[in-house]
Amino acid sequence: MQWTLVVPLKPLARAKSRLSAAAGDGLRPGLALAFAQDTVAAALASAAVRDVAVVTDDALARRELARLGARIVPDDPRAGLNAALAHAAGAVRADRPASAVAALNADLPALRPEELARVLETAAEFPRAFLPDAADIGTTLLAAAPGVELRPLFGGNSRARHRDSGAAELLPDAVDSVRRDVDTGEDLRAALALGVGPRTAAVAARLLIPEQ
């Protein structure tokens, strides 16, 4: 089974606010874009991924991610993350009703294509499934089989909400790069230790990440 991924991205000026201590408001938007670029590039390189749709209203992000081969979906609802994801999934299925769709965070700069493929191959065994983040609190990927509504419940303790909604929790071995989202300087250090993509590496080289 091949998947269409929907990737949400806030306007860059507001993205990754918790990284202000590490990046400052001057570099933070560029870092958020670099995360998204490396995430999308790695996703498109995965054997399990057919294509990627990015839902965003940021003009720079639209241009740069389209250059990588992503489809751009405007955030018409403008009602938060889950509404944006549901809208993007609906747009994908309006064109291809039989698509298997998965929501993927845009802040996975260490993402490995083969690890993403392993997660999606496991997800294909269930109607809906999710992967918890490295902190075991949030969610980095939510998958829905063909004909199954995505029903995203991201934000805060989304691991519990997705589990309570009936989605199967996925914990395949050796998929650290798919679980390592980046919200803080500490998260960024962990992602750098895994090995990030080239765009994130270039921006991160300009940062002094404070110890916590």
N, C-alpha and C. Protein backbone atom coordinates (compact mmCIF):
# COMPACT_ATOMS: atom_id res chain seq x y z
N MET A 1 0.84 -1.20 0.00
CA MET A 1 0.00 0.00 0.00
C MET A 1 0.88 1.25 0.00
N GLN A 2 0.51 2.19 -0.84
CA GLN A 2 1.19 3.48 -0.82
C GLN A 2 0.26 4.54 -0.24
N TRP A 3 0.87 5.52 0.41
CA TRP A 3 0.14 6.50 1.20
C TRP A 3 0.30 7.91 0.64
N THR A 4 -0.75 8.70 0.83
CA THR A 4 -0.64 10.15 0.69
C THR A 4 -0.52 10.74 2.09
N LEU A 5 0.51 11.53 2.29
CA LEU A 5 0.71 12.17 3.59
C LEU A 5 0.19 13.59 3.54
N VAL A 6 -0.48 14.01 4.59
CA VAL A 6 -0.89 15.40 4.75
C VAL A 6 -0.06 15.98 5.89
N VAL A 7 0.60 17.09 5.59
CA VAL A 7 1.55 17.70 6.51
C VAL A 7 1.10 19.12 6.81
N PRO A 8 0.80 19.45 8.07
CA PRO A 8 0.34 20.80 8.40
C PRO A 8 1.50 21.72 8.76
N LEU A 9 1.40 22.98 8.35
CA LEU A 9 2.44 23.95 8.69
C LEU A 9 1.81 25.30 8.95
N LYS A 10 2.03 25.82 10.15
CA LYS A 10 1.56 27.16 10.51
C LYS A 10 2.29 28.22 9.67
N PRO A 11 1.74 29.42 9.60
CA PRO A 11 2.54 30.53 9.07
C PRO A 11 3.87 30.60 9.80
N LEU A 12 4.95 30.76 9.07
CA LEU A 12 6.29 30.63 9.66
C LEU A 12 6.54 31.64 10.77
N ALA A 13 5.93 32.80 10.70
CA ALA A 13 6.14 33.81 11.74
C ALA A 13 5.63 33.34 13.10
N ARG A 14 4.68 32.39 13.09
CA ARG A 14 4.12 31.89 14.35
C ARG A 14 4.57 30.48 14.70
N ALA A 15 5.29 29.85 13.81
CA ALA A 15 5.65 28.45 14.01
C ALA A 15 6.77 28.29 15.02
N LYS A 16 6.71 27.19 15.77
CA LYS A 16 7.77 26.80 16.68
C LYS A 16 8.11 27.89 17.71
N SER A 17 7.09 28.45 18.33
CA SER A 17 7.32 29.52 19.30
C SER A 17 8.13 29.07 20.50
N ARG A 18 8.05 27.78 20.85
CA ARG A 18 8.81 27.28 22.00
C ARG A 18 10.31 27.18 21.71
N LEU A 19 10.69 27.39 20.46
CA LEU A 19 12.12 27.41 20.13
C LEU A 19 12.73 28.80 20.21
N SER A 20 11.95 29.77 20.69
CA SER A 20 12.46 31.14 20.73
C SER A 20 13.73 31.26 21.55
N ALA A 21 13.83 30.51 22.65
CA ALA A 21 15.02 30.59 23.49
C ALA A 21 16.26 30.10 22.75
N ALA A 22 16.08 29.13 21.86
CA ALA A 22 17.21 28.56 21.14
C ALA A 22 17.51 29.32 19.85
N ALA A 23 16.44 29.77 19.17
CA ALA A 23 16.63 30.34 17.84
C ALA A 23 16.39 31.83 17.77
N GLY A 24 15.58 32.37 18.69
CA GLY A 24 15.21 33.77 18.59
C GLY A 24 14.24 33.98 17.44
N ASP A 25 13.60 35.13 17.44
CA ASP A 25 12.60 35.38 16.42
C ASP A 25 13.21 35.63 15.04
N GLY A 26 14.52 35.90 15.00
CA GLY A 26 15.17 36.10 13.72
C GLY A 26 15.38 34.82 12.94
N LEU A 27 15.81 33.76 13.64
CA LEU A 27 16.12 32.49 12.97
C LEU A 27 15.00 31.46 13.08
N ARG A 28 14.09 31.65 14.04
CA ARG A 28 13.06 30.63 14.27
C ARG A 28 12.22 30.33 13.03
N PRO A 29 11.71 31.33 12.28
CA PRO A 29 10.92 30.99 11.09
C PRO A 29 11.72 30.19 10.06
N GLY A 30 12.99 30.53 9.88
CA GLY A 30 13.82 29.77 8.94
C GLY A 30 14.05 28.35 9.42
N LEU A 31 14.15 28.18 10.72
CA LEU A 31 14.32 26.84 11.27
C LEU A 31 13.06 26.02 11.07
N ALA A 32 11.90 26.62 11.29
CA ALA A 32 10.62 25.91 11.08
C ALA A 32 10.49 25.49 9.61
N LEU A 33 10.88 26.38 8.69
CA LEU A 33 10.82 26.02 7.28
C LEU A 33 11.79 24.89 6.96
N ALA A 34 12.99 24.95 7.52
CA ALA A 34 13.98 23.89 7.28
C ALA A 34 13.48 22.55 7.79
N PHE A 35 12.85 22.54 8.97
CA PHE A 35 12.25 21.29 9.47
C PHE A 35 11.28 20.73 8.45
N ALA A 36 10.38 21.59 7.97
CA ALA A 36 9.35 21.14 7.03
C ALA A 36 9.97 20.65 5.72
N GLN A 37 10.97 21.36 5.23
CA GLN A 37 11.62 20.95 3.98
C GLN A 37 12.27 19.59 4.13
N ASP A 38 13.00 19.37 5.23
CA ASP A 38 13.65 18.07 5.42
C ASP A 38 12.64 16.97 5.67
N THR A 39 11.55 17.29 6.36
CA THR A 39 10.50 16.30 6.58
C THR A 39 9.86 15.89 5.26
N VAL A 40 9.48 16.87 4.45
CA VAL A 40 8.82 16.57 3.18
C VAL A 40 9.75 15.84 2.23
N ALA A 41 11.01 16.27 2.16
CA ALA A 41 11.96 15.60 1.26
C ALA A 41 12.15 14.14 1.65
N ALA A 42 12.28 13.87 2.94
CA ALA A 42 12.45 12.49 3.40
C ALA A 42 11.18 11.67 3.14
N ALA A 43 10.02 12.28 3.36
CA ALA A 43 8.76 11.57 3.13
C ALA A 43 8.61 11.19 1.66
N LEU A 44 8.91 12.13 0.77
CA LEU A 44 8.80 11.85 -0.66
C LEU A 44 9.78 10.79 -1.13
N ALA A 45 10.86 10.60 -0.37
CA ALA A 45 11.85 9.58 -0.72
C ALA A 45 11.50 8.20 -0.18
N SER A 46 10.42 8.11 0.59
CA SER A 46 10.05 6.83 1.19
C SER A 46 9.28 5.96 0.19
N ALA A 47 9.62 4.68 0.14
CA ALA A 47 8.97 3.76 -0.80
C ALA A 47 7.49 3.59 -0.52
N ALA A 48 7.05 3.88 0.72
CA ALA A 48 5.65 3.70 1.07
C ALA A 48 4.79 4.92 0.77
N VAL A 49 5.40 6.01 0.30
CA VAL A 49 4.70 7.28 0.11
C VAL A 49 4.46 7.54 -1.37
N ARG A 50 3.22 7.76 -1.71
CA ARG A 50 2.87 8.12 -3.10
C ARG A 50 3.09 9.61 -3.34
N ASP A 51 2.58 10.42 -2.40
CA ASP A 51 2.75 11.86 -2.54
C ASP A 51 2.50 12.53 -1.19
N VAL A 52 2.77 13.83 -1.15
CA VAL A 52 2.65 14.62 0.07
C VAL A 52 1.85 15.87 -0.23
N ALA A 53 0.85 16.15 0.60
CA ALA A 53 0.07 17.39 0.52
C ALA A 53 0.35 18.21 1.76
N VAL A 54 0.85 19.40 1.58
CA VAL A 54 1.13 20.31 2.70
C VAL A 54 0.00 21.31 2.81
N VAL A 55 -0.60 21.41 3.99
CA VAL A 55 -1.67 22.38 4.20
C VAL A 55 -1.08 23.58 4.94
N THR A 56 -1.05 24.71 4.26
CA THR A 56 -0.45 25.92 4.82
C THR A 56 -0.94 27.13 4.06
N ASP A 57 -0.90 28.28 4.75
CA ASP A 57 -1.21 29.55 4.10
C ASP A 57 0.02 30.44 4.01
N ASP A 58 1.19 29.91 4.35
CA ASP A 58 2.41 30.71 4.31
C ASP A 58 2.96 30.73 2.88
N ALA A 59 3.14 31.93 2.33
CA ALA A 59 3.54 32.06 0.93
C ALA A 59 4.93 31.48 0.68
N LEU A 60 5.88 31.76 1.56
CA LEU A 60 7.23 31.23 1.38
C LEU A 60 7.24 29.72 1.49
N ALA A 61 6.56 29.19 2.49
CA ALA A 61 6.49 27.73 2.65
C ALA A 61 5.83 27.07 1.45
N ARG A 62 4.76 27.68 0.95
CA ARG A 62 4.10 27.11 -0.23
C ARG A 62 5.08 27.00 -1.39
N ARG A 63 5.81 28.06 -1.62
CA ARG A 63 6.74 28.08 -2.75
C ARG A 63 7.86 27.05 -2.58
N GLU A 64 8.48 27.04 -1.40
CA GLU A 64 9.63 26.16 -1.19
C GLU A 64 9.25 24.69 -1.13
N LEU A 65 8.12 24.38 -0.55
CA LEU A 65 7.72 22.97 -0.45
C LEU A 65 7.16 22.46 -1.78
N ALA A 66 6.53 23.34 -2.55
CA ALA A 66 6.11 22.94 -3.90
C ALA A 66 7.31 22.59 -4.76
N ARG A 67 8.41 23.30 -4.57
CA ARG A 67 9.63 23.00 -5.33
C ARG A 67 10.14 21.59 -5.04
N LEU A 68 9.87 21.10 -3.86
CA LEU A 68 10.30 19.74 -3.51
C LEU A 68 9.38 18.68 -4.09
N GLY A 69 8.22 19.10 -4.59
CA GLY A 69 7.27 18.15 -5.17
C GLY A 69 6.01 17.95 -4.36
N ALA A 70 5.82 18.74 -3.30
CA ALA A 70 4.61 18.62 -2.50
C ALA A 70 3.44 19.32 -3.18
N ARG A 71 2.26 18.78 -3.00
CA ARG A 71 1.02 19.47 -3.37
C ARG A 71 0.69 20.44 -2.25
N ILE A 72 0.24 21.63 -2.58
CA ILE A 72 -0.10 22.63 -1.57
C ILE A 72 -1.62 22.75 -1.47
N VAL A 73 -2.13 22.63 -0.24
CA VAL A 73 -3.56 22.78 0.03
C VAL A 73 -3.74 24.00 0.92
N PRO A 74 -4.47 25.01 0.50
CA PRO A 74 -4.71 26.17 1.36
C PRO A 74 -5.48 25.77 2.62
N ASP A 75 -5.16 26.42 3.73
CA ASP A 75 -5.85 26.15 4.98
C ASP A 75 -7.15 26.95 5.00
N ASP A 76 -8.11 26.51 4.21
CA ASP A 76 -9.37 27.25 4.10
C ASP A 76 -10.16 27.33 5.41
N PRO A 77 -10.19 26.28 6.24
CA PRO A 77 -10.97 26.41 7.48
C PRO A 77 -10.40 27.46 8.44
N ARG A 78 -9.06 27.56 8.48
CA ARG A 78 -8.39 28.48 9.42
C ARG A 78 -8.97 28.35 10.82
N ALA A 79 -9.10 27.10 11.25
CA ALA A 79 -9.72 26.80 12.54
C ALA A 79 -8.85 25.89 13.37
N GLY A 80 -7.54 25.94 13.13
CA GLY A 80 -6.62 25.15 13.94
C GLY A 80 -6.12 23.91 13.23
N LEU A 81 -5.24 23.21 13.93
CA LEU A 81 -4.50 22.09 13.35
C LEU A 81 -5.41 20.97 12.87
N ASN A 82 -6.32 20.52 13.72
CA ASN A 82 -7.13 19.36 13.35
C ASN A 82 -8.09 19.66 12.20
N ALA A 83 -8.62 20.87 12.19
CA ALA A 83 -9.48 21.26 11.07
C ALA A 83 -8.69 21.32 9.78
N ALA A 84 -7.45 21.82 9.86
CA ALA A 84 -6.60 21.89 8.67
C ALA A 84 -6.30 20.49 8.14
N LEU A 85 -5.99 19.56 9.02
CA LEU A 85 -5.68 18.20 8.59
C LEU A 85 -6.91 17.51 7.98
N ALA A 86 -8.05 17.68 8.62
CA ALA A 86 -9.27 17.07 8.07
C ALA A 86 -9.59 17.65 6.69
N HIS A 87 -9.38 18.95 6.55
CA HIS A 87 -9.61 19.61 5.25
C HIS A 87 -8.66 19.06 4.19
N ALA A 88 -7.38 18.93 4.53
CA ALA A 88 -6.40 18.42 3.56
C ALA A 88 -6.70 16.98 3.18
N ALA A 89 -7.07 16.16 4.17
CA ALA A 89 -7.42 14.77 3.87
C ALA A 89 -8.63 14.72 2.94
N GLY A 90 -9.59 15.61 3.18
CA GLY A 90 -10.76 15.66 2.31
C GLY A 90 -10.41 16.08 0.90
N ALA A 91 -9.48 17.03 0.78
CA ALA A 91 -9.05 17.48 -0.55
C ALA A 91 -8.37 16.35 -1.31
N VAL A 92 -7.55 15.58 -0.62
CA VAL A 92 -6.87 14.44 -1.24
C VAL A 92 -7.89 13.44 -1.74
N ARG A 93 -8.86 13.13 -0.89
CA ARG A 93 -9.83 12.09 -1.25
C ARG A 93 -10.89 12.58 -2.22
N ALA A 94 -11.03 13.87 -2.37
CA ALA A 94 -11.91 14.38 -3.41
C ALA A 94 -11.37 14.00 -4.79
N ASP A 95 -10.03 13.94 -4.90
CA ASP A 95 -9.40 13.55 -6.15
C ASP A 95 -9.23 12.04 -6.26
N ARG A 96 -8.89 11.41 -5.13
CA ARG A 96 -8.65 9.96 -5.13
C ARG A 96 -9.35 9.35 -3.92
N PRO A 97 -10.62 8.99 -4.06
CA PRO A 97 -11.39 8.51 -2.91
C PRO A 97 -10.80 7.28 -2.23
N ALA A 98 -10.05 6.48 -2.95
CA ALA A 98 -9.51 5.24 -2.37
C ALA A 98 -8.14 5.41 -1.74
N SER A 99 -7.71 6.65 -1.52
CA SER A 99 -6.37 6.89 -0.97
C SER A 99 -6.27 6.46 0.48
N ALA A 100 -5.14 5.85 0.81
CA ALA A 100 -4.74 5.69 2.21
C ALA A 100 -4.05 7.00 2.60
N VAL A 101 -4.50 7.61 3.70
CA VAL A 101 -4.03 8.94 4.08
C VAL A 101 -3.44 8.90 5.48
N ALA A 102 -2.33 9.60 5.65
CA ALA A 102 -1.71 9.71 6.97
C ALA A 102 -1.31 11.16 7.22
N ALA A 103 -1.60 11.65 8.40
CA ALA A 103 -1.13 12.96 8.83
C ALA A 103 0.26 12.79 9.45
N LEU A 104 1.17 13.66 9.04
CA LEU A 104 2.55 13.59 9.53
C LEU A 104 2.97 14.98 9.99
N ASN A 105 3.60 15.05 11.16
CA ASN A 105 4.10 16.34 11.66
C ASN A 105 5.12 16.93 10.70
N ALA A 106 5.20 18.26 10.68
CA ALA A 106 6.15 18.95 9.81
C ALA A 106 7.48 19.20 10.49
N ASP A 107 7.62 18.76 11.74
CA ASP A 107 8.84 19.07 12.51
C ASP A 107 9.62 17.80 12.85
N LEU A 108 9.92 17.02 11.79
CA LEU A 108 10.67 15.77 11.96
C LEU A 108 11.95 15.85 11.12
N PRO A 109 12.88 16.73 11.49
CA PRO A 109 14.03 17.00 10.62
C PRO A 109 15.02 15.85 10.51
N ALA A 110 14.92 14.86 11.40
CA ALA A 110 15.80 13.69 11.34
C ALA A 110 15.13 12.52 10.62
N LEU A 111 13.98 12.74 10.01
CA LEU A 111 13.18 11.66 9.42
C LEU A 111 13.98 10.83 8.42
N ARG A 112 13.89 9.50 8.56
CA ARG A 112 14.53 8.57 7.65
C ARG A 112 13.46 7.91 6.78
N PRO A 113 13.60 7.91 5.45
CA PRO A 113 12.57 7.34 4.59
C PRO A 113 12.26 5.88 4.91
N GLU A 114 13.28 5.10 5.21
CA GLU A 114 13.03 3.68 5.47
C GLU A 114 12.29 3.46 6.79
N GLU A 115 12.53 4.32 7.77
CA GLU A 115 11.82 4.20 9.04
C GLU A 115 10.35 4.61 8.87
N LEU A 116 10.11 5.64 8.09
CA LEU A 116 8.73 6.03 7.79
C LEU A 116 8.02 4.89 7.06
N ALA A 117 8.67 4.25 6.13
CA ALA A 117 8.06 3.13 5.42
C ALA A 117 7.69 2.01 6.38
N ARG A 118 8.55 1.76 7.35
CA ARG A 118 8.28 0.70 8.33
C ARG A 118 7.02 1.03 9.15
N VAL A 119 6.88 2.28 9.55
CA VAL A 119 5.70 2.69 10.31
C VAL A 119 4.44 2.55 9.46
N LEU A 120 4.50 3.01 8.22
CA LEU A 120 3.32 2.97 7.36
C LEU A 120 2.94 1.53 6.99
N GLU A 121 3.92 0.69 6.82
CA GLU A 121 3.63 -0.73 6.55
C GLU A 121 2.90 -1.36 7.73
N THR A 122 3.29 -1.00 8.94
CA THR A 122 2.61 -1.51 10.13
C THR A 122 1.21 -0.91 10.24
N ALA A 123 1.09 0.38 9.94
CA ALA A 123 -0.21 1.06 10.01
C ALA A 123 -1.21 0.44 9.05
N ALA A 124 -0.74 -0.11 7.93
CA ALA A 124 -1.63 -0.68 6.92
C ALA A 124 -2.41 -1.89 7.45
N GLU A 125 -2.02 -2.40 8.59
CA GLU A 125 -2.72 -3.55 9.17
C GLU A 125 -3.99 -3.15 9.93
N PHE A 126 -4.23 -1.83 10.08
CA PHE A 126 -5.33 -1.35 10.91
C PHE A 126 -6.16 -0.31 10.16
N PRO A 127 -7.45 -0.16 10.54
CA PRO A 127 -8.25 0.90 9.92
C PRO A 127 -7.69 2.30 10.23
N ARG A 128 -7.38 2.56 11.48
CA ARG A 128 -6.73 3.80 11.91
C ARG A 128 -5.62 3.44 12.88
N ALA A 129 -4.52 4.16 12.80
CA ALA A 129 -3.39 3.87 13.67
C ALA A 129 -2.58 5.14 13.86
N PHE A 130 -1.83 5.19 14.96
CA PHE A 130 -1.02 6.36 15.24
C PHE A 130 0.31 5.97 15.86
N LEU A 131 1.26 6.87 15.72
CA LEU A 131 2.59 6.69 16.31
C LEU A 131 2.79 7.78 17.36
N PRO A 132 3.07 7.40 18.62
CA PRO A 132 3.33 8.43 19.63
C PRO A 132 4.68 9.09 19.42
N ASP A 133 4.80 10.32 19.93
CA ASP A 133 6.07 11.01 19.82
C ASP A 133 7.09 10.48 20.82
N ALA A 134 8.30 11.01 20.78
CA ALA A 134 9.37 10.49 21.62
C ALA A 134 9.10 10.69 23.10
N ALA A 135 8.26 11.69 23.43
CA ALA A 135 7.91 11.93 24.83
C ALA A 135 6.77 11.05 25.32
N ASP A 136 6.18 10.25 24.43
CA ASP A 136 5.04 9.39 24.74
C ASP A 136 3.84 10.18 25.24
N ILE A 137 3.70 11.41 24.74
CA ILE A 137 2.55 12.25 25.10
C ILE A 137 1.78 12.66 23.86
N GLY A 138 2.48 13.09 22.85
CA GLY A 138 1.85 13.54 21.62
C GLY A 138 1.83 12.47 20.55
N THR A 139 1.60 12.91 19.31
CA THR A 139 1.49 12.03 18.16
C THR A 139 2.27 12.65 17.00
N THR A 140 3.04 11.83 16.30
CA THR A 140 3.73 12.34 15.13
C THR A 140 3.12 11.86 13.82
N LEU A 141 2.34 10.78 13.85
CA LEU A 141 1.72 10.25 12.64
C LEU A 141 0.39 9.61 12.99
N LEU A 142 -0.63 9.90 12.17
CA LEU A 142 -1.94 9.30 12.30
C LEU A 142 -2.36 8.81 10.92
N ALA A 143 -2.68 7.54 10.82
CA ALA A 143 -2.96 6.92 9.52
C ALA A 143 -4.39 6.41 9.45
N ALA A 144 -4.97 6.53 8.26
CA ALA A 144 -6.33 6.02 8.01
C ALA A 144 -6.33 5.26 6.70
N ALA A 145 -6.82 4.03 6.75
CA ALA A 145 -6.89 3.17 5.57
C ALA A 145 -7.91 3.73 4.58
N PRO A 146 -7.88 3.26 3.33
CA PRO A 146 -8.88 3.70 2.35
C PRO A 146 -10.30 3.54 2.88
N GLY A 147 -11.10 4.58 2.72
CA GLY A 147 -12.49 4.54 3.16
C GLY A 147 -12.70 4.84 4.62
N VAL A 148 -11.63 5.08 5.37
CA VAL A 148 -11.72 5.36 6.81
C VAL A 148 -11.41 6.82 7.05
N GLU A 149 -12.24 7.48 7.85
CA GLU A 149 -12.04 8.90 8.16
C GLU A 149 -10.80 9.07 9.02
N LEU A 150 -10.02 10.11 8.74
CA LEU A 150 -8.78 10.34 9.50
C LEU A 150 -9.05 10.68 10.96
N ARG A 151 -9.97 11.58 11.24
CA ARG A 151 -10.35 11.99 12.59
C ARG A 151 -9.13 12.41 13.42
N PRO A 152 -8.43 13.45 13.02
CA PRO A 152 -7.24 13.89 13.77
C PRO A 152 -7.61 14.53 15.10
N LEU A 153 -6.81 14.22 16.12
CA LEU A 153 -7.02 14.75 17.48
C LEU A 153 -5.68 15.23 18.04
N PHE A 154 -4.92 15.95 17.23
CA PHE A 154 -3.60 16.40 17.64
C PHE A 154 -3.69 17.54 18.65
N GLY A 155 -2.56 17.76 19.35
CA GLY A 155 -2.46 18.82 20.34
C GLY A 155 -2.50 18.26 21.75
N GLY A 156 -1.57 18.76 22.60
CA GLY A 156 -1.55 18.31 23.99
C GLY A 156 -1.32 16.82 24.10
N ASN A 157 -2.12 16.15 24.92
CA ASN A 157 -1.98 14.71 25.14
C ASN A 157 -2.71 13.94 24.05
N SER A 158 -2.26 14.10 22.83
CA SER A 158 -2.97 13.47 21.70
C SER A 158 -2.77 11.96 21.67
N ARG A 159 -1.71 11.48 22.30
CA ARG A 159 -1.54 10.02 22.36
C ARG A 159 -2.76 9.38 23.01
N ALA A 160 -3.17 9.91 24.15
CA ALA A 160 -4.32 9.35 24.85
C ALA A 160 -5.60 9.54 24.05
N ARG A 161 -5.76 10.70 23.42
CA ARG A 161 -6.98 10.94 22.67
C ARG A 161 -7.08 10.05 21.45
N HIS A 162 -5.97 9.87 20.74
CA HIS A 162 -6.02 8.98 19.58
C HIS A 162 -6.27 7.53 20.01
N ARG A 163 -5.65 7.12 21.09
CA ARG A 163 -5.89 5.76 21.59
C ARG A 163 -7.34 5.59 22.01
N ASP A 164 -7.88 6.59 22.72
CA ASP A 164 -9.27 6.49 23.18
C ASP A 164 -10.26 6.54 22.02
N SER A 165 -9.84 7.11 20.89
CA SER A 165 -10.73 7.19 19.72
C SER A 165 -10.81 5.87 18.96
N GLY A 166 -10.01 4.90 19.37
CA GLY A 166 -10.03 3.59 18.72
C GLY A 166 -8.89 3.34 17.77
N ALA A 167 -8.00 4.33 17.58
CA ALA A 167 -6.84 4.12 16.70
C ALA A 167 -5.85 3.19 17.39
N ALA A 168 -5.25 2.31 16.61
CA ALA A 168 -4.24 1.39 17.14
C ALA A 168 -2.93 2.14 17.38
N GLU A 169 -2.30 1.88 18.50
CA GLU A 169 -1.02 2.51 18.80
C GLU A 169 0.10 1.68 18.21
N LEU A 170 0.96 2.33 17.43
CA LEU A 170 2.06 1.65 16.76
C LEU A 170 3.35 1.89 17.53
N LEU A 171 4.10 0.85 17.76
CA LEU A 171 5.41 0.97 18.39
C LEU A 171 6.40 0.00 17.71
N PRO A 172 6.58 0.13 16.40
CA PRO A 172 7.56 -0.74 15.73
C PRO A 172 8.97 -0.39 16.18
N ASP A 173 9.88 -1.34 16.04
CA ASP A 173 11.26 -1.13 16.46
C ASP A 173 11.99 -0.19 15.51
N ALA A 174 12.96 0.53 16.08
CA ALA A 174 13.93 1.31 15.29
C ALA A 174 13.27 2.31 14.36
N VAL A 175 12.38 3.13 14.92
CA VAL A 175 11.77 4.21 14.13
C VAL A 175 11.91 5.54 14.87
N ASP A 176 13.04 5.72 15.55
CA ASP A 176 13.24 6.91 16.37
C ASP A 176 13.08 8.20 15.57
N SER A 177 13.49 8.18 14.30
CA SER A 177 13.44 9.42 13.51
C SER A 177 12.01 9.86 13.23
N VAL A 178 11.06 8.93 13.23
CA VAL A 178 9.67 9.26 12.96
C VAL A 178 8.98 9.77 14.23
N ARG A 179 9.56 9.50 15.37
CA ARG A 179 8.98 9.93 16.65
C ARG A 179 9.60 11.22 17.17
N ARG A 180 10.72 11.63 16.60
CA ARG A 180 11.48 12.76 17.15
C ARG A 180 11.04 14.08 16.54
N ASP A 181 9.91 14.60 17.06
CA ASP A 181 9.51 15.94 16.66
C ASP A 181 10.28 16.96 17.49
N VAL A 182 10.27 18.20 17.06
CA VAL A 182 11.11 19.23 17.67
C VAL A 182 10.26 20.42 18.08
N ASP A 183 10.16 20.62 19.39
CA ASP A 183 9.45 21.78 19.93
C ASP A 183 10.36 22.69 20.76
N THR A 184 11.41 22.13 21.34
CA THR A 184 12.28 22.86 22.26
C THR A 184 13.73 22.70 21.84
N GLY A 185 14.60 23.48 22.49
CA GLY A 185 16.03 23.32 22.25
C GLY A 185 16.53 21.94 22.59
N GLU A 186 15.99 21.36 23.64
CA GLU A 186 16.38 20.00 24.02
C GLU A 186 15.98 19.00 22.93
N ASP A 187 14.78 19.17 22.38
CA ASP A 187 14.34 18.30 21.28
C ASP A 187 15.28 18.45 20.07
N LEU A 188 15.69 19.68 19.81
CA LEU A 188 16.56 19.91 18.66
C LEU A 188 17.91 19.24 18.85
N ARG A 189 18.44 19.30 20.07
CA ARG A 189 19.70 18.60 20.34
C ARG A 189 19.55 17.10 20.10
N ALA A 190 18.41 16.54 20.51
CA ALA A 190 18.17 15.11 20.30
C ALA A 190 18.07 14.78 18.82
N ALA A 191 17.40 15.64 18.05
CA ALA A 191 17.30 15.42 16.61
C ALA A 191 18.67 15.53 15.95
N LEU A 192 19.46 16.51 16.36
CA LEU A 192 20.81 16.65 15.79
C LEU A 192 21.65 15.42 16.08
N ALA A 193 21.46 14.82 17.25
CA ALA A 193 22.20 13.60 17.60
C ALA A 193 21.81 12.44 16.69
N LEU A 194 20.55 12.40 16.27
CA LEU A 194 20.11 11.36 15.34
C LEU A 194 20.67 11.61 13.94
N GLY A 195 20.83 12.89 13.60
CA GLY A 195 21.28 13.26 12.27
C GLY A 195 20.15 13.87 11.47
N VAL A 196 20.18 15.18 11.29
CA VAL A 196 19.09 15.88 10.62
C VAL A 196 19.38 16.05 9.13
N GLY A 197 18.37 16.49 8.41
CA GLY A 197 18.52 16.76 6.99
C GLY A 197 19.38 17.98 6.73
N PRO A 198 19.75 18.21 5.47
CA PRO A 198 20.73 19.25 5.15
C PRO A 198 20.24 20.67 5.43
N ARG A 199 18.97 20.94 5.26
CA ARG A 199 18.47 22.29 5.47
C ARG A 199 18.46 22.63 6.96
N THR A 200 18.01 21.69 7.77
CA THR A 200 18.05 21.92 9.22
C THR A 200 19.48 22.04 9.71
N ALA A 201 20.35 21.20 9.20
CA ALA A 201 21.75 21.26 9.62
C ALA A 201 22.36 22.63 9.32
N ALA A 202 22.02 23.20 8.17
CA ALA A 202 22.58 24.50 7.78
C ALA A 202 22.09 25.60 8.71
N VAL A 203 20.81 25.59 9.05
CA VAL A 203 20.28 26.63 9.95
C VAL A 203 20.77 26.39 11.37
N ALA A 204 20.77 25.15 11.82
CA ALA A 204 21.18 24.84 13.19
C ALA A 204 22.64 25.20 13.44
N ALA A 205 23.45 25.20 12.41
CA ALA A 205 24.85 25.56 12.56
C ALA A 205 25.02 27.01 12.99
N ARG A 206 23.97 27.82 12.81
CA ARG A 206 24.03 29.24 13.18
C ARG A 206 23.51 29.49 14.59
N LEU A 207 23.08 28.43 15.27
CA LEU A 207 22.44 28.58 16.57
C LEU A 207 23.39 28.21 17.70
N LEU A 208 23.16 28.85 18.84
CA LEU A 208 23.75 28.43 20.10
C LEU A 208 22.62 27.92 20.94
N ILE A 209 22.48 26.61 21.04
CA ILE A 209 21.33 26.02 21.74
C ILE A 209 21.65 25.93 23.23
N PRO A 210 20.95 26.64 24.08
CA PRO A 210 21.29 26.64 25.50
C PRO A 210 21.03 25.29 26.16
N GLU A 211 21.86 24.95 27.10
CA GLU A 211 21.64 23.74 27.88
C GLU A 211 20.43 23.96 28.78
N GLN A 212 19.67 22.88 29.04
CA GLN A 212 18.50 22.97 29.91
C GLN A 212 18.66 22.00 31.07
